[in-house]
């Protein structure tokens, strides 16, 4: 799927309301752009919400707009906490 403008980006179709975007930040702009999403998800249409999870998406600029090339998604809240702890241990982030 091609996205005309990186600022108009919408997460993949979510007809049953199982993804809720809690936040978004464009981390880098240019021929290759990175967007971070903070989301919560639920299995099925009426299950309990899980998360928050971090989703990192990389987009490549193509003549028609932007194309999703790769993505990384945490699948457990503990992974997000582990990432914050690692960044803090490396001196890159303080909580």
PDB file of N, CA and C in Angstrom:
ATOM      1  N   UNK A   1       0.833  -1.166   0.000  1.00  0.00           N
ATOM      2  CA  UNK A   1       0.000   0.000   0.000  1.00  0.00           C
ATOM      3  C   UNK A   1       0.888   1.243   0.000  1.00  0.00           C
ATOM      4  N   UNK A   2       0.533   2.222  -0.797  1.00  0.00           N
ATOM      5  CA  UNK A   2       1.264   3.476  -0.896  1.00  0.00           C
ATOM      6  C   UNK A   2       0.487   4.557  -0.139  1.00  0.00           C
ATOM      7  N   UNK A   3       1.188   5.325   0.670  1.00  0.00           N
ATOM      8  CA  UNK A   3       0.596   6.401   1.455  1.00  0.00           C
ATOM      9  C   UNK A   3       1.047   7.712   0.826  1.00  0.00           C
ATOM     10  N   UNK A   4       0.120   8.580   0.415  1.00  0.00           N
ATOM     11  CA  UNK A   4       0.513   9.806  -0.273  1.00  0.00           C
ATOM     12  C   UNK A   4       1.376  10.745   0.573  1.00  0.00           C
ATOM     13  N   UNK A   5       1.079  10.884   1.869  1.00  0.00           N
ATOM     14  CA  UNK A   5       1.809  11.823   2.726  1.00  0.00           C
ATOM     15  C   UNK A   5       2.056  11.160   4.076  1.00  0.00           C
ATOM     16  N   UNK A   6       3.282  11.183   4.553  1.00  0.00           N
ATOM     17  CA  UNK A   6       3.650  10.520   5.804  1.00  0.00           C
ATOM     18  C   UNK A   6       2.848  11.078   6.986  1.00  0.00           C
ATOM     19  N   UNK A   7       2.431  12.336   6.919  1.00  0.00           N
ATOM     20  CA  UNK A   7       1.655  12.933   8.001  1.00  0.00           C
ATOM     21  C   UNK A   7       0.196  12.478   8.003  1.00  0.00           C
ATOM     22  N   UNK A   8      -0.259  11.873   6.915  1.00  0.00           N
ATOM     23  CA  UNK A   8      -1.635  11.370   6.825  1.00  0.00           C
ATOM     24  C   UNK A   8      -1.703   9.862   7.051  1.00  0.00           C
ATOM     25  N   UNK A   9      -0.640   9.315   7.564  1.00  0.00           N
ATOM     26  CA  UNK A   9      -0.530   7.878   7.772  1.00  0.00           C
ATOM     27  C   UNK A   9      -1.623   7.364   8.709  1.00  0.00           C
ATOM     28  N   UNK A  10      -2.221   6.233   8.347  1.00  0.00           N
ATOM     29  CA  UNK A  10      -3.213   5.563   9.179  1.00  0.00           C
ATOM     30  C   UNK A  10      -2.752   4.120   9.328  1.00  0.00           C
ATOM     31  N   UNK A  11      -2.846   3.592  10.536  1.00  0.00           N
ATOM     32  CA  UNK A  11      -2.500   2.184  10.740  1.00  0.00           C
ATOM     33  C   UNK A  11      -3.411   1.314   9.895  1.00  0.00           C
ATOM     34  N   UNK A  12      -2.959   0.079   9.624  1.00  0.00           N
ATOM     35  CA  UNK A  12      -3.718  -0.811   8.767  1.00  0.00           C
ATOM     36  C   UNK A  12      -5.185  -0.864   9.172  1.00  0.00           C
ATOM     37  N   UNK A  13      -6.010  -1.213   8.222  1.00  0.00           N
ATOM     38  CA  UNK A  13      -7.447  -1.229   8.425  1.00  0.00           C
ATOM     39  C   UNK A  13      -7.819  -1.937   9.718  1.00  0.00           C
ATOM     40  N   UNK A  14      -8.679  -1.310  10.473  1.00  0.00           N
ATOM     41  CA  UNK A  14      -9.070  -1.838  11.770  1.00  0.00           C
ATOM     42  C   UNK A  14     -10.585  -1.745  11.911  1.00  0.00           C
ATOM     43  N   UNK A  15     -11.283  -2.536  11.113  1.00  0.00           N
ATOM     44  CA  UNK A  15     -12.737  -2.460  11.058  1.00  0.00           C
ATOM     45  C   UNK A  15     -13.414  -2.922  12.347  1.00  0.00           C
ATOM     46  N   UNK A  16     -12.765  -3.825  13.085  1.00  0.00           N
ATOM     47  CA  UNK A  16     -13.421  -4.342  14.292  1.00  0.00           C
ATOM     48  C   UNK A  16     -12.986  -3.624  15.564  1.00  0.00           C
ATOM     49  N   UNK A  17     -12.202  -2.557  15.443  1.00  0.00           N
ATOM     50  CA  UNK A  17     -11.807  -1.765  16.602  1.00  0.00           C
ATOM     51  C   UNK A  17     -10.844  -2.466  17.532  1.00  0.00           C
ATOM     52  N   UNK A  18      -9.972  -3.326  16.996  1.00  0.00           N
ATOM     53  CA  UNK A  18      -9.055  -4.078  17.853  1.00  0.00           C
ATOM     54  C   UNK A  18      -7.701  -3.398  18.034  1.00  0.00           C
ATOM     55  N   UNK A  19      -7.489  -2.239  17.407  1.00  0.00           N
ATOM     56  CA  UNK A  19      -6.259  -1.463  17.577  1.00  0.00           C
ATOM     57  C   UNK A  19      -6.653  -0.047  17.980  1.00  0.00           C
ATOM     58  N   UNK A  20      -6.040   0.445  19.044  1.00  0.00           N
ATOM     59  CA  UNK A  20      -6.258   1.827  19.447  1.00  0.00           C
ATOM     60  C   UNK A  20      -4.904   2.522  19.493  1.00  0.00           C
ATOM     61  N   UNK A  21      -4.758   3.564  18.708  1.00  0.00           N
ATOM     62  CA  UNK A  21      -3.512   4.335  18.690  1.00  0.00           C
ATOM     63  C   UNK A  21      -3.514   5.299  19.866  1.00  0.00           C
ATOM     64  N   UNK A  22      -2.509   5.164  20.735  1.00  0.00           N
ATOM     65  CA  UNK A  22      -2.385   6.018  21.915  1.00  0.00           C
ATOM     66  C   UNK A  22      -1.453   7.195  21.672  1.00  0.00           C
ATOM     67  N   UNK A  23      -0.563   7.050  20.704  1.00  0.00           N
ATOM     68  CA  UNK A  23       0.382   8.113  20.391  1.00  0.00           C
ATOM     69  C   UNK A  23       1.151   7.783  19.136  1.00  0.00           C
ATOM     70  N   UNK A  24       1.757   8.820  18.569  1.00  0.00           N
ATOM     71  CA  UNK A  24       2.531   8.656  17.332  1.00  0.00           C
ATOM     72  C   UNK A  24       3.611   9.717  17.299  1.00  0.00           C
ATOM     73  N   UNK A  25       4.762   9.341  16.783  1.00  0.00           N
ATOM     74  CA  UNK A  25       5.837  10.309  16.621  1.00  0.00           C
ATOM     75  C   UNK A  25       6.648   9.931  15.392  1.00  0.00           C
ATOM     76  N   UNK A  26       6.867  10.895  14.501  1.00  0.00           N
ATOM     77  CA  UNK A  26       7.756  10.692  13.355  1.00  0.00           C
ATOM     78  C   UNK A  26       9.169  10.884  13.886  1.00  0.00           C
ATOM     79  N   UNK A  27       9.957   9.805  13.887  1.00  0.00           N
ATOM     80  CA  UNK A  27      11.313   9.848  14.441  1.00  0.00           C
ATOM     81  C   UNK A  27      12.338  10.371  13.453  1.00  0.00           C
ATOM     82  N   UNK A  28      12.108  10.119  12.167  1.00  0.00           N
ATOM     83  CA  UNK A  28      13.016  10.632  11.145  1.00  0.00           C
ATOM     84  C   UNK A  28      12.236  10.862   9.865  1.00  0.00           C
ATOM     85  N   UNK A  29      12.675  11.876   9.129  1.00  0.00           N
ATOM     86  CA  UNK A  29      12.072  12.213   7.833  1.00  0.00           C
ATOM     87  C   UNK A  29      13.171  12.219   6.787  1.00  0.00           C
ATOM     88  N   UNK A  30      12.793  11.916   5.583  1.00  0.00           N
ATOM     89  CA  UNK A  30      13.741  11.873   4.485  1.00  0.00           C
ATOM     90  C   UNK A  30      13.346  10.749   3.554  1.00  0.00           C
ATOM     91  N   UNK A  31      14.265  10.292   2.697  1.00  0.00           N
ATOM     92  CA  UNK A  31      13.939   9.200   1.787  1.00  0.00           C
ATOM     93  C   UNK A  31      13.508   7.930   2.534  1.00  0.00           C
ATOM     94  N   UNK A  32      14.028   7.763   3.743  1.00  0.00           N
ATOM     95  CA  UNK A  32      13.623   6.684   4.638  1.00  0.00           C
ATOM     96  C   UNK A  32      13.118   7.339   5.910  1.00  0.00           C
ATOM     97  N   UNK A  33      11.876   7.105   6.252  1.00  0.00           N
ATOM     98  CA  UNK A  33      11.288   7.713   7.444  1.00  0.00           C
ATOM     99  C   UNK A  33      10.899   6.631   8.432  1.00  0.00           C
ATOM    100  N   UNK A  34      11.008   6.969   9.717  1.00  0.00           N
ATOM    101  CA  UNK A  34      10.654   6.042  10.787  1.00  0.00           C
ATOM    102  C   UNK A  34       9.553   6.670  11.622  1.00  0.00           C
ATOM    103  N   UNK A  35       8.507   5.891  11.878  1.00  0.00           N
ATOM    104  CA  UNK A  35       7.390   6.362  12.680  1.00  0.00           C
ATOM    105  C   UNK A  35       7.195   5.392  13.841  1.00  0.00           C
ATOM    106  N   UNK A  36       7.072   5.942  15.050  1.00  0.00           N
ATOM    107  CA  UNK A  36       6.802   5.147  16.249  1.00  0.00           C
ATOM    108  C   UNK A  36       5.336   5.323  16.622  1.00  0.00           C
ATOM    109  N   UNK A  37       4.689   4.212  16.890  1.00  0.00           N
ATOM    110  CA  UNK A  37       3.307   4.224  17.342  1.00  0.00           C
ATOM    111  C   UNK A  37       3.238   3.584  18.716  1.00  0.00           C
ATOM    112  N   UNK A  38       2.453   4.154  19.610  1.00  0.00           N
ATOM    113  CA  UNK A  38       2.127   3.516  20.872  1.00  0.00           C
ATOM    114  C   UNK A  38       0.681   3.077  20.737  1.00  0.00           C
ATOM    115  N   UNK A  39       0.446   1.779  20.849  1.00  0.00           N
ATOM    116  CA  UNK A  39      -0.890   1.233  20.616  1.00  0.00           C
ATOM    117  C   UNK A  39      -1.280   0.277  21.733  1.00  0.00           C
ATOM    118  N   UNK A  40      -2.557   0.015  21.803  1.00  0.00           N
ATOM    119  CA  UNK A  40      -3.037  -1.113  22.586  1.00  0.00           C
ATOM    120  C   UNK A  40      -3.951  -1.909  21.671  1.00  0.00           C
ATOM    121  N   UNK A  41      -4.042  -3.186  21.917  1.00  0.00           N
ATOM    122  CA  UNK A  41      -4.789  -4.091  21.038  1.00  0.00           C
ATOM    123  C   UNK A  41      -5.680  -4.994  21.869  1.00  0.00           C
ATOM    124  N   UNK A  42      -6.661  -5.572  21.198  1.00  0.00           N
ATOM    125  CA  UNK A  42      -7.471  -6.598  21.842  1.00  0.00           C
ATOM    126  C   UNK A  42      -7.809  -7.674  20.834  1.00  0.00           C
ATOM    127  N   UNK A  43      -7.852  -8.898  21.338  1.00  0.00           N
ATOM    128  CA  UNK A  43      -8.193 -10.042  20.492  1.00  0.00           C
ATOM    129  C   UNK A  43      -9.705 -10.058  20.307  1.00  0.00           C
ATOM    130  N   UNK A  44     -10.138 -10.159  19.086  1.00  0.00           N
ATOM    131  CA  UNK A  44     -11.568 -10.131  18.824  1.00  0.00           C
ATOM    132  C   UNK A  44     -12.129  -8.736  19.038  1.00  0.00           C
ATOM    133  N   UNK A  45     -13.395  -8.586  18.840  1.00  0.00           N
ATOM    134  CA  UNK A  45     -14.016  -7.273  18.971  1.00  0.00           C
ATOM    135  C   UNK A  45     -14.338  -6.865  20.390  1.00  0.00           C
ATOM    136  N   UNK A  46     -14.394  -7.813  21.325  1.00  0.00           N
ATOM    137  CA  UNK A  46     -14.838  -7.454  22.668  1.00  0.00           C
ATOM    138  C   UNK A  46     -13.937  -7.977  23.779  1.00  0.00           C
ATOM    139  N   UNK A  47     -12.741  -8.430  23.451  1.00  0.00           N
ATOM    140  CA  UNK A  47     -11.802  -8.916  24.461  1.00  0.00           C
ATOM    141  C   UNK A  47     -11.208  -7.764  25.249  1.00  0.00           C
ATOM    142  N   UNK A  48     -10.433  -8.070  26.299  1.00  0.00           N
ATOM    143  CA  UNK A  48      -9.809  -7.005  27.083  1.00  0.00           C
ATOM    144  C   UNK A  48      -8.657  -6.352  26.305  1.00  0.00           C
ATOM    145  N   UNK A  49      -8.424  -5.074  26.580  1.00  0.00           N
ATOM    146  CA  UNK A  49      -7.313  -4.365  25.958  1.00  0.00           C
ATOM    147  C   UNK A  49      -6.002  -4.873  26.537  1.00  0.00           C
ATOM    148  N   UNK A  50      -4.980  -4.989  25.692  1.00  0.00           N
ATOM    149  CA  UNK A  50      -3.631  -5.385  26.099  1.00  0.00           C
ATOM    150  C   UNK A  50      -2.654  -4.325  25.625  1.00  0.00           C
ATOM    151  N   UNK A  51      -1.589  -4.155  26.383  1.00  0.00           N
ATOM    152  CA  UNK A  51      -0.578  -3.188  25.996  1.00  0.00           C
ATOM    153  C   UNK A  51      -0.339  -2.203  27.115  1.00  0.00           C
ATOM    154  N   UNK A  52       0.345  -1.130  26.850  1.00  0.00           N
ATOM    155  CA  UNK A  52       0.670  -0.583  25.538  1.00  0.00           C
ATOM    156  C   UNK A  52       1.853  -1.303  24.893  1.00  0.00           C
ATOM    157  N   UNK A  53       1.891  -1.215  23.571  1.00  0.00           N
ATOM    158  CA  UNK A  53       2.953  -1.803  22.779  1.00  0.00           C
ATOM    159  C   UNK A  53       3.570  -0.726  21.894  1.00  0.00           C
ATOM    160  N   UNK A  54       4.837  -0.898  21.579  1.00  0.00           N
ATOM    161  CA  UNK A  54       5.548  -0.006  20.674  1.00  0.00           C
ATOM    162  C   UNK A  54       5.624  -0.658  19.307  1.00  0.00           C
ATOM    163  N   UNK A  55       5.218   0.068  18.297  1.00  0.00           N
ATOM    164  CA  UNK A  55       5.359  -0.373  16.917  1.00  0.00           C
ATOM    165  C   UNK A  55       6.232   0.638  16.197  1.00  0.00           C
ATOM    166  N   UNK A  56       7.330   0.183  15.596  1.00  0.00           N
ATOM    167  CA  UNK A  56       8.207   1.031  14.789  1.00  0.00           C
ATOM    168  C   UNK A  56       8.051   0.630  13.326  1.00  0.00           C
ATOM    169  N   UNK A  57       7.685   1.587  12.485  1.00  0.00           N
ATOM    170  CA  UNK A  57       7.500   1.329  11.058  1.00  0.00           C
ATOM    171  C   UNK A  57       8.492   2.160  10.259  1.00  0.00           C
ATOM    172  N   UNK A  58       9.109   1.527   9.235  1.00  0.00           N
ATOM    173  CA  UNK A  58      10.036   2.222   8.324  1.00  0.00           C
ATOM    174  C   UNK A  58       9.348   2.354   6.971  1.00  0.00           C
ATOM    175  N   UNK A  59       9.389   3.564   6.431  1.00  0.00           N
ATOM    176  CA  UNK A  59       8.775   3.859   5.144  1.00  0.00           C
ATOM    177  C   UNK A  59       9.826   4.377   4.178  1.00  0.00           C
ATOM    178  N   UNK A  60       9.693   3.970   2.927  1.00  0.00           N
ATOM    179  CA  UNK A  60      10.586   4.438   1.871  1.00  0.00           C
ATOM    180  C   UNK A  60       9.806   5.367   0.952  1.00  0.00           C
ATOM    181  N   UNK A  61      10.434   6.483   0.593  1.00  0.00           N
ATOM    182  CA  UNK A  61       9.823   7.412  -0.351  1.00  0.00           C
ATOM    183  C   UNK A  61       9.884   6.800  -1.746  1.00  0.00           C
ATOM    184  N   UNK A  62       8.739   6.727  -2.400  1.00  0.00           N
ATOM    185  CA  UNK A  62       8.631   6.240  -3.772  1.00  0.00           C
ATOM    186  C   UNK A  62       7.901   7.317  -4.577  1.00  0.00           C
ATOM    187  N   UNK A  63       7.915   7.235  -5.909  1.00  0.00           N
ATOM    188  CA  UNK A  63       7.288   8.306  -6.696  1.00  0.00           C
ATOM    189  C   UNK A  63       5.834   8.605  -6.322  1.00  0.00           C
ATOM    190  N   UNK A  64       5.079   7.617  -5.899  1.00  0.00           N
ATOM    191  CA  UNK A  64       3.668   7.828  -5.584  1.00  0.00           C
ATOM    192  C   UNK A  64       3.432   8.289  -4.144  1.00  0.00           C
ATOM    193  N   UNK A  65       4.450   8.234  -3.285  1.00  0.00           N
ATOM    194  CA  UNK A  65       4.283   8.604  -1.876  1.00  0.00           C
ATOM    195  C   UNK A  65       5.231   7.815  -0.986  1.00  0.00           C
ATOM    196  N   UNK A  66       4.672   7.096  -0.011  1.00  0.00           N
ATOM    197  CA  UNK A  66       5.461   6.339   0.960  1.00  0.00           C
ATOM    198  C   UNK A  66       5.010   4.898   0.978  1.00  0.00           C
ATOM    199  N   UNK A  67       5.994   3.992   1.065  1.00  0.00           N
ATOM    200  CA  UNK A  67       5.711   2.554   1.077  1.00  0.00           C
ATOM    201  C   UNK A  67       6.261   1.969   2.369  1.00  0.00           C
ATOM    202  N   UNK A  68       5.431   1.202   3.094  1.00  0.00           N
ATOM    203  CA  UNK A  68       5.883   0.507   4.292  1.00  0.00           C
ATOM    204  C   UNK A  68       6.863  -0.580   3.872  1.00  0.00           C
ATOM    205  N   UNK A  69       8.075  -0.545   4.452  1.00  0.00           N
ATOM    206  CA  UNK A  69       9.122  -1.494   4.078  1.00  0.00           C
ATOM    207  C   UNK A  69       9.376  -2.492   5.197  1.00  0.00           C
ATOM    208  N   UNK A  70       9.375  -2.032   6.434  1.00  0.00           N
ATOM    209  CA  UNK A  70       9.624  -2.952   7.545  1.00  0.00           C
ATOM    210  C   UNK A  70       8.949  -2.436   8.797  1.00  0.00           C
ATOM    211  N   UNK A  71       8.760  -3.348   9.738  1.00  0.00           N
ATOM    212  CA  UNK A  71       8.176  -2.951  11.010  1.00  0.00           C
ATOM    213  C   UNK A  71       8.662  -3.861  12.118  1.00  0.00           C
ATOM    214  N   UNK A  72       8.735  -3.284  13.288  1.00  0.00           N
ATOM    215  CA  UNK A  72       9.074  -3.995  14.513  1.00  0.00           C
ATOM    216  C   UNK A  72       7.953  -3.713  15.494  1.00  0.00           C
ATOM    217  N   UNK A  73       7.455  -4.759  16.125  1.00  0.00           N
ATOM    218  CA  UNK A  73       6.350  -4.584  17.062  1.00  0.00           C
ATOM    219  C   UNK A  73       6.640  -5.342  18.340  1.00  0.00           C
ATOM    220  N   UNK A  74       6.595  -4.627  19.463  1.00  0.00           N
ATOM    221  CA  UNK A  74       6.654  -5.350  20.726  1.00  0.00           C
ATOM    222  C   UNK A  74       5.325  -6.073  20.879  1.00  0.00           C
ATOM    223  N   UNK A  75       5.364  -7.225  21.535  1.00  0.00           N
ATOM    224  CA  UNK A  75       4.158  -8.042  21.685  1.00  0.00           C
ATOM    225  C   UNK A  75       3.778  -8.264  23.135  1.00  0.00           C
ATOM    226  N   UNK A  76       4.612  -7.755  24.027  1.00  0.00           N
ATOM    227  CA  UNK A  76       4.330  -7.852  25.456  1.00  0.00           C
ATOM    228  C   UNK A  76       4.757  -6.543  26.104  1.00  0.00           C
ATOM    229  N   UNK A  77       4.009  -6.110  27.116  1.00  0.00           N
ATOM    230  CA  UNK A  77       4.360  -4.872  27.816  1.00  0.00           C
ATOM    231  C   UNK A  77       5.754  -4.972  28.426  1.00  0.00           C
ATOM    232  N   UNK A  78       6.175  -6.180  28.844  1.00  0.00           N
ATOM    233  CA  UNK A  78       7.515  -6.359  29.420  1.00  0.00           C
ATOM    234  C   UNK A  78       8.618  -6.006  28.418  1.00  0.00           C
ATOM    235  N   UNK A  79       8.385  -6.213  27.125  1.00  0.00           N
ATOM    236  CA  UNK A  79       9.374  -5.848  26.117  1.00  0.00           C
ATOM    237  C   UNK A  79       9.576  -4.338  26.081  1.00  0.00           C
ATOM    238  N   UNK A  80       8.498  -3.588  26.207  1.00  0.00           N
ATOM    239  CA  UNK A  80       8.593  -2.137  26.213  1.00  0.00           C
ATOM    240  C   UNK A  80       9.353  -1.660  27.445  1.00  0.00           C
ATOM    241  N   UNK A  81       9.054  -2.246  28.594  1.00  0.00           N
ATOM    242  CA  UNK A  81       9.787  -1.905  29.811  1.00  0.00           C
ATOM    243  C   UNK A  81      11.270  -2.265  29.668  1.00  0.00           C
ATOM    244  N   UNK A  82      11.563  -3.423  29.082  1.00  0.00           N
ATOM    245  CA  UNK A  82      12.948  -3.836  28.868  1.00  0.00           C
ATOM    246  C   UNK A  82      13.696  -2.884  27.955  1.00  0.00           C
ATOM    247  N   UNK A  83      13.021  -2.369  26.941  1.00  0.00           N
ATOM    248  CA  UNK A  83      13.634  -1.405  26.036  1.00  0.00           C
ATOM    249  C   UNK A  83      13.978  -0.114  26.779  1.00  0.00           C
ATOM    250  N   UNK A  84      13.062   0.380  27.597  1.00  0.00           N
ATOM    251  CA  UNK A  84      13.316   1.586  28.378  1.00  0.00           C
ATOM    252  C   UNK A  84      14.485   1.357  29.330  1.00  0.00           C
ATOM    253  N   UNK A  85      14.523   0.208  29.989  1.00  0.00           N
ATOM    254  CA  UNK A  85      15.622  -0.113  30.903  1.00  0.00           C
ATOM    255  C   UNK A  85      16.959  -0.184  30.170  1.00  0.00           C
ATOM    256  N   UNK A  86      16.970  -0.769  28.982  1.00  0.00           N
ATOM    257  CA  UNK A  86      18.211  -0.852  28.200  1.00  0.00           C
ATOM    258  C   UNK A  86      18.697   0.539  27.804  1.00  0.00           C
ATOM    259  N   UNK A  87      17.789   1.394  27.339  1.00  0.00           N
ATOM    260  CA  UNK A  87      18.177   2.750  26.957  1.00  0.00           C
ATOM    261  C   UNK A  87      18.716   3.518  28.156  1.00  0.00           C
ATOM    262  N   UNK A  88      18.101   3.334  29.321  1.00  0.00           N
ATOM    263  CA  UNK A  88      18.581   3.998  30.538  1.00  0.00           C
ATOM    264  C   UNK A  88      19.963   3.472  30.929  1.00  0.00           C
ATOM    265  N   UNK A  89      20.173   2.157  30.833  1.00  0.00           N
ATOM    266  CA  UNK A  89      21.466   1.565  31.193  1.00  0.00           C
ATOM    267  C   UNK A  89      22.569   2.054  30.256  1.00  0.00           C
ATOM    268  N   UNK A  90      22.221   2.326  29.013  1.00  0.00           N
ATOM    269  CA  UNK A  90      23.203   2.822  28.056  1.00  0.00           C
ATOM    270  C   UNK A  90      23.381   4.332  28.140  1.00  0.00           C
ATOM    271  N   UNK A  91      22.633   4.973  29.030  1.00  0.00           N
ATOM    272  CA  UNK A  91      22.732   6.415  29.208  1.00  0.00           C
ATOM    273  C   UNK A  91      22.023   7.219  28.125  1.00  0.00           C
ATOM    274  N   UNK A  92      21.147   6.570  27.372  1.00  0.00           N
ATOM    275  CA  UNK A  92      20.451   7.243  26.277  1.00  0.00           C
ATOM    276  C   UNK A  92      19.078   7.755  26.678  1.00  0.00           C
ATOM    277  N   UNK A  93      18.581   7.266  27.799  1.00  0.00           N
ATOM    278  CA  UNK A  93      17.232   7.619  28.221  1.00  0.00           C
ATOM    279  C   UNK A  93      17.157   7.532  29.725  1.00  0.00           C
ATOM    280  N   UNK A  94      16.513   8.475  30.343  1.00  0.00           N
ATOM    281  CA  UNK A  94      16.303   8.392  31.790  1.00  0.00           C
ATOM    282  C   UNK A  94      14.817   8.389  32.052  1.00  0.00           C
ATOM    283  N   UNK A  95      14.400   7.522  32.932  1.00  0.00           N
ATOM    284  CA  UNK A  95      12.963   7.423  33.210  1.00  0.00           C
ATOM    285  C   UNK A  95      12.583   8.269  34.400  1.00  0.00           C
TER     286      UNK A  95
END
